[in-house]
Amino acid sequence: MSRFIVLPARLLQDGRLTSMTHLRVLMALGSYTDKHGWAWPSRKKLADRMSIDGTAVSVNRVSQCIADLKAWGYLEVISQARDSDGSQTTNRYRVLFDIGGPEATPEINGDVPVGGGRHPVSGAYSPVNAMGLPPGKYHGIYPLKVPKNDSLKKETHSASAQAVDERFEQAWAAYPKRAGGNSKRDALKAWSARLAAGEHEDNMLAGTKRYAAFCAATGKVGTEYVKLASTFFGPARHFADEWALPTQVSKPVNRPQRFDPVAHVNRNRPQFNDQPDFIDV
């Protein structure tokens, strides 16, 4: 059994809850909820949990309270069926704490009467309108259905992630091959970190192509001298370097020398000046 049971605060001012049994049904459901607020006990289990000192609560009374709570907007009930034969099985329940408000936005549209409304999930009528205001006539307010913030964030994140992945795949395809390991996952992590820091993916892709041309010109492709991609896209920002190609130094041409007979004789002429017994006449 859960240590805590959370109930909607609006129960305190709801005059329809004259019976303690309705409150106890909500408490019993709350004791079965998972971390997302869903519970799926059978009505027999609920009746047994609500029994005090041997005084049993009937399953029919539990069913009546569940129907009332759903109609009053306190419960969301989802029917379930077995896959084998399609017969009904245990329902899923969730206690509803808020009605409307987050899913509505104001719009200037003249005088629009705004009264009570039905809950978008349970269909239960509530005296509180979709904007959380009491019934009445309000100037310039009209409740509109808008997507939840979570869905907008997911769509934005999905679109941006797809663009990032496309640019990264181009950079990864252009990156020079390296001997040894070169983790693509670590490279993507470093790439994403640079984008979060304000770098532009086009500049990173252009730097990758410059580095690939440099490695090809210096014969480093396929060797361990190629940088790890995670280092290349890391905080040192190697992709921003110029990676200028090395200049080619022209080698001297070995041309054949012309034959000089005098020089040839002088080179092969014996030298006797260093011999003391030799007299030159």
Protein backbone atom coordinates (compact mmCIF):
# COMPACT_ATOMS: atom_id res chain seq x y z
CA MET A 1 0.00 0.00 0.00
CA SER A 2 1.23 3.49 -0.79
CA ARG A 3 2.45 5.65 2.09
CA PHE A 4 0.69 8.74 0.70
CA ILE A 5 -2.63 9.32 -1.03
CA VAL A 6 -3.12 12.61 -2.89
CA LEU A 7 -6.62 13.92 -3.50
CA PRO A 8 -7.94 16.97 -5.43
CA ALA A 9 -8.30 20.05 -3.24
CA ARG A 10 -11.60 20.94 -4.91
CA LEU A 11 -13.23 18.08 -2.98
CA LEU A 12 -13.44 20.39 0.04
CA GLN A 13 -15.91 22.76 -1.64
CA ASP A 14 -17.92 20.25 -3.65
CA GLY A 15 -21.37 19.98 -2.12
CA ARG A 16 -22.12 16.78 -4.06
CA LEU A 17 -19.73 14.76 -1.89
CA THR A 18 -22.12 14.24 1.00
CA SER A 19 -21.19 10.58 1.35
CA MET A 20 -17.89 9.43 2.84
CA THR A 21 -17.98 6.41 0.55
CA HIS A 22 -17.12 8.51 -2.50
CA LEU A 23 -14.11 9.94 -0.73
CA ARG A 24 -12.99 6.49 0.42
CA VAL A 25 -13.27 5.13 -3.15
CA LEU A 26 -10.94 7.90 -4.32
CA MET A 27 -8.56 7.12 -1.46
CA ALA A 28 -8.63 3.40 -2.26
CA LEU A 29 -7.82 4.08 -5.91
CA GLY A 30 -5.01 6.41 -4.85
CA SER A 31 -3.43 3.62 -2.82
CA TYR A 32 -3.05 1.52 -5.98
CA THR A 33 -1.65 4.16 -8.35
CA ASP A 34 1.67 3.79 -10.11
CA LYS A 35 4.18 6.61 -10.65
CA HIS A 36 2.08 7.99 -13.51
CA GLY A 37 -1.12 8.11 -11.47
CA TRP A 38 -2.83 5.08 -13.05
CA ALA A 39 -4.51 2.29 -11.06
CA TRP A 40 -6.26 -0.86 -12.23
CA PRO A 41 -7.62 -2.77 -9.20
CA SER A 42 -10.80 -4.76 -9.56
CA ARG A 43 -13.91 -3.42 -7.88
CA LYS A 44 -13.83 -6.42 -5.55
CA LYS A 45 -10.36 -5.38 -4.38
CA LEU A 46 -11.57 -1.84 -3.81
CA ALA A 47 -14.50 -3.08 -1.76
CA ASP A 48 -12.22 -5.30 0.36
CA ARG A 49 -9.78 -2.44 0.99
CA MET A 50 -12.60 -0.16 2.12
CA SER A 51 -13.98 -2.67 4.63
CA ILE A 52 -13.51 -1.62 8.28
CA ASP A 53 -13.75 -3.96 11.29
CA GLY A 54 -15.50 -6.62 9.27
CA THR A 55 -18.05 -4.18 7.85
CA ALA A 56 -17.98 -4.95 4.14
CA VAL A 57 -18.71 -2.54 1.33
CA SER A 58 -20.66 -4.00 -1.57
CA VAL A 59 -19.21 -4.12 -5.07
CA ASN A 60 -22.39 -2.47 -6.37
CA ARG A 61 -21.84 0.48 -4.02
CA VAL A 62 -18.25 0.83 -5.27
CA SER A 63 -19.49 0.77 -8.89
CA GLN A 64 -22.06 3.47 -8.13
CA CYS A 65 -19.44 5.71 -6.50
CA ILE A 66 -17.06 5.24 -9.44
CA ALA A 67 -19.82 6.22 -11.87
CA ASP A 68 -20.60 9.34 -9.80
CA LEU A 69 -16.95 10.35 -9.50
CA LYS A 70 -16.48 9.97 -13.24
CA ALA A 71 -19.58 12.08 -13.94
CA TRP A 72 -18.37 14.76 -11.53
CA GLY A 73 -14.98 14.99 -13.22
CA TYR A 74 -12.85 13.36 -10.52
CA LEU A 75 -12.02 10.13 -12.32
CA GLU A 76 -10.82 9.12 -15.75
CA VAL A 77 -11.96 5.60 -16.58
CA ILE A 78 -10.62 3.60 -19.51
CA SER A 79 -12.29 0.31 -20.35
CA GLN A 80 -10.08 -2.61 -21.35
CA ALA A 81 -10.76 -5.84 -23.21
CA ARG A 82 -8.90 -9.13 -23.38
CA ASP A 83 -6.99 -9.86 -26.56
CA SER A 84 -8.10 -13.48 -26.60
CA ASP A 85 -11.87 -13.16 -26.72
CA GLY A 86 -12.57 -9.43 -26.49
CA SER A 87 -14.32 -9.70 -23.15
CA GLN A 88 -14.07 -6.83 -20.68
CA THR A 89 -11.34 -6.91 -18.06
CA THR A 90 -10.24 -4.59 -15.24
CA ASN A 91 -10.63 -0.90 -16.02
CA ARG A 92 -7.85 1.63 -15.65
CA TYR A 93 -8.49 4.61 -13.36
CA ARG A 94 -6.77 7.93 -12.83
CA VAL A 95 -7.71 10.66 -10.39
CA LEU A 96 -8.15 14.02 -12.15
CA PHE A 97 -6.78 16.99 -10.22
CA ASP A 98 -7.23 19.83 -12.73
CA ILE A 99 -9.94 20.74 -15.19
CA GLY A 100 -9.01 22.83 -18.20
CA GLY A 101 -6.79 25.87 -17.81
CA PRO A 102 -3.48 24.70 -19.34
CA GLU A 103 -5.16 23.71 -22.63
CA ALA A 104 -6.84 27.08 -23.20
CA THR A 105 -5.58 30.44 -24.41
CA PRO A 106 -7.28 33.87 -24.47
CA GLU A 107 -8.19 35.59 -27.70
CA ILE A 108 -9.66 39.04 -28.24
CA ASN A 109 -13.02 38.27 -29.82
CA GLY A 110 -15.59 40.66 -28.35
CA ASP A 111 -18.03 39.70 -25.59
CA VAL A 112 -18.21 35.91 -25.43
CA PRO A 113 -20.29 34.12 -22.80
CA VAL A 114 -18.12 31.67 -20.92
CA GLY A 115 -19.81 29.16 -18.70
CA GLY A 116 -19.27 25.65 -17.49
CA GLY A 117 -17.93 22.95 -19.72
CA ARG A 118 -17.22 19.27 -20.04
CA HIS A 119 -13.87 17.70 -19.30
CA PRO A 120 -12.05 16.83 -22.56
CA VAL A 121 -11.19 13.30 -21.35
CA SER A 122 -13.92 12.16 -18.97
CA GLY A 123 -16.73 14.17 -20.55
CA ALA A 124 -17.90 15.24 -17.09
CA TYR A 125 -19.59 18.62 -16.73
CA SER A 126 -17.94 21.14 -14.43
CA PRO A 127 -19.13 24.57 -13.24
CA VAL A 128 -15.59 25.79 -13.92
CA ASN A 129 -15.06 26.69 -17.56
CA ALA A 130 -12.13 25.65 -19.73
CA MET A 131 -10.08 28.64 -18.54
CA GLY A 132 -10.60 27.93 -14.85
CA LEU A 133 -12.97 30.91 -14.42
CA PRO A 134 -16.39 30.88 -12.75
CA PRO A 135 -19.44 30.99 -15.05
CA GLY A 136 -20.29 34.37 -16.48
CA LYS A 137 -19.73 36.77 -19.36
CA TYR A 138 -16.19 37.96 -20.04
CA HIS A 139 -14.97 40.54 -22.48
CA GLY A 140 -12.33 39.45 -24.96
CA ILE A 141 -11.90 35.89 -23.68
CA TYR A 142 -12.53 32.86 -25.79
CA PRO A 143 -11.20 29.41 -24.85
CA LEU A 144 -9.22 27.77 -27.61
CA LYS A 145 -7.62 24.35 -27.78
CA VAL A 146 -3.87 24.60 -28.25
CA PRO A 147 -1.22 21.88 -28.31
CA LYS A 148 0.42 21.12 -25.01
CA ASN A 149 3.87 22.54 -24.41
CA ASP A 150 5.37 19.06 -24.20
CA SER A 151 4.21 18.15 -27.71
CA LEU A 152 5.57 21.42 -29.11
CA LYS A 153 8.93 20.80 -27.48
CA LYS A 154 9.05 17.27 -28.86
CA GLU A 155 8.24 18.47 -32.40
CA THR A 156 10.85 21.25 -32.21
CA HIS A 157 13.47 18.91 -30.80
CA SER A 158 12.70 16.28 -33.42
CA ALA A 159 13.04 18.78 -36.30
CA SER A 160 16.28 20.26 -34.97
CA ALA A 161 17.73 16.82 -34.24
CA GLN A 162 16.96 15.70 -37.78
CA ALA A 163 18.79 18.74 -39.23
CA VAL A 164 21.75 18.19 -36.91
CA ASP A 165 21.95 14.52 -37.78
CA GLU A 166 21.89 15.30 -41.52
CA ARG A 167 24.83 17.71 -41.24
CA PHE A 168 26.74 15.39 -38.96
CA GLU A 169 26.31 12.45 -41.33
CA GLN A 170 27.80 14.57 -44.11
CA ALA A 171 30.75 15.51 -41.90
CA TRP A 172 31.23 11.90 -40.79
CA ALA A 173 31.25 10.70 -44.40
CA ALA A 174 33.90 13.31 -45.28
CA TYR A 175 36.05 12.67 -42.21
CA PRO A 176 39.37 10.93 -43.07
CA LYS A 177 39.66 7.28 -42.13
CA ARG A 178 41.82 6.54 -39.14
CA ALA A 179 43.81 3.52 -37.99
CA GLY A 180 42.46 2.27 -34.68
CA GLY A 181 39.24 3.32 -32.98
CA ASN A 182 37.17 6.39 -33.85
CA SER A 183 33.85 6.41 -32.01
CA LYS A 184 31.02 7.90 -34.03
CA ARG A 185 28.91 8.22 -30.89
CA ASP A 186 31.57 10.29 -29.12
CA ALA A 187 31.99 12.39 -32.26
CA LEU A 188 28.25 13.14 -32.38
CA LYS A 189 28.30 14.05 -28.69
CA ALA A 190 31.14 16.52 -29.26
CA TRP A 191 29.43 17.86 -32.40
CA SER A 192 26.19 18.48 -30.48
CA ALA A 193 28.10 20.18 -27.66
CA ARG A 194 29.67 22.62 -30.09
CA LEU A 195 26.28 23.40 -31.63
CA ALA A 196 24.90 24.05 -28.16
CA ALA A 197 27.83 26.42 -27.58
CA GLY A 198 26.82 28.47 -30.65
CA GLU A 199 28.88 26.96 -33.47
CA HIS A 200 27.30 26.70 -36.91
CA GLU A 201 27.12 23.29 -38.53
CA ASP A 202 28.14 24.66 -41.94
CA ASN A 203 31.45 25.95 -40.51
CA MET A 204 32.10 22.61 -38.84
CA LEU A 205 31.37 20.72 -42.05
CA ALA A 206 33.66 23.01 -44.06
CA GLY A 207 36.45 22.53 -41.50
CA THR A 208 36.04 18.77 -41.76
CA LYS A 209 36.50 18.89 -45.53
CA ARG A 210 39.62 21.05 -45.16
CA TYR A 211 41.10 18.59 -42.69
CA ALA A 212 40.28 15.65 -44.98
CA ALA A 213 42.10 17.36 -47.87
CA PHE A 214 45.07 18.09 -45.58
CA CYS A 215 45.32 14.45 -44.44
CA ALA A 216 45.12 13.24 -48.02
CA ALA A 217 47.89 15.64 -49.15
CA THR A 218 50.21 14.66 -46.29
CA GLY A 219 49.62 10.93 -46.55
CA LYS A 220 48.00 10.61 -43.10
CA VAL A 221 44.75 8.97 -44.24
CA GLY A 222 44.41 5.51 -42.73
CA THR A 223 47.10 6.10 -40.10
CA GLU A 224 47.01 6.70 -36.38
CA TYR A 225 48.05 10.32 -37.00
CA VAL A 226 44.49 11.24 -37.99
CA LYS A 227 42.81 12.95 -35.03
CA LEU A 228 39.96 11.30 -33.23
CA ALA A 229 36.72 12.83 -34.46
CA SER A 230 35.65 13.54 -30.87
CA THR A 231 38.87 15.52 -30.42
CA PHE A 232 38.46 17.28 -33.77
CA PHE A 233 34.96 18.46 -32.78
CA GLY A 234 35.97 19.00 -29.16
CA PRO A 235 36.46 22.20 -27.13
CA ALA A 236 39.80 22.89 -28.89
CA ARG A 237 37.79 23.55 -32.11
CA HIS A 238 40.27 21.99 -34.54
CA PHE A 239 37.63 22.33 -37.25
CA ALA A 240 38.19 26.10 -37.16
CA ASP A 241 41.86 25.77 -38.17
CA GLU A 242 42.87 26.60 -41.73
CA TRP A 243 44.55 23.26 -42.45
CA ALA A 244 46.47 24.82 -45.30
CA LEU A 245 47.95 22.33 -47.73
CA PRO A 246 51.77 22.02 -47.60
CA THR A 247 53.66 23.89 -50.33
CA GLN A 248 55.69 21.72 -52.73
CA VAL A 249 59.45 22.51 -52.81
CA SER A 250 60.95 22.03 -56.29
CA LYS A 251 63.92 19.66 -56.35
CA PRO A 252 67.10 20.62 -58.35
CA VAL A 253 67.34 18.94 -61.72
CA ASN A 254 70.45 16.73 -62.12
CA ARG A 255 71.67 17.73 -65.58
CA PRO A 256 74.70 15.93 -67.17
CA GLN A 257 77.88 18.08 -67.17
CA ARG A 258 79.80 18.81 -70.39
CA PHE A 259 83.12 16.94 -70.85
CA ASP A 260 86.16 19.16 -70.27
CA PRO A 261 89.37 17.42 -71.51
CA VAL A 262 91.74 19.82 -69.70
CA ALA A 263 89.97 19.33 -66.41
CA HIS A 264 89.93 15.62 -67.03
CA VAL A 265 93.74 15.55 -67.57
CA ASN A 266 94.39 17.71 -64.55
CA ARG A 267 92.25 15.48 -62.36
CA ASN A 268 94.06 12.32 -63.53
CA ARG A 269 97.58 13.82 -63.77
CA PRO A 270 99.96 12.46 -61.12
CA GLN A 271 101.16 14.99 -58.60
CA PHE A 272 104.85 14.72 -57.70
CA ASN A 273 105.36 18.07 -56.02
CA ASP A 274 105.12 16.49 -52.62
CA GLN A 275 108.01 14.07 -53.39
CA PRO A 276 111.38 15.53 -52.24
CA ASP A 277 113.56 13.45 -54.68
CA PHE A 278 111.71 14.64 -57.78
CA ILE A 279 113.32 17.35 -59.94
CA ASP A 280 111.07 19.09 -62.42
CA VAL A 281 112.95 20.22 -65.63
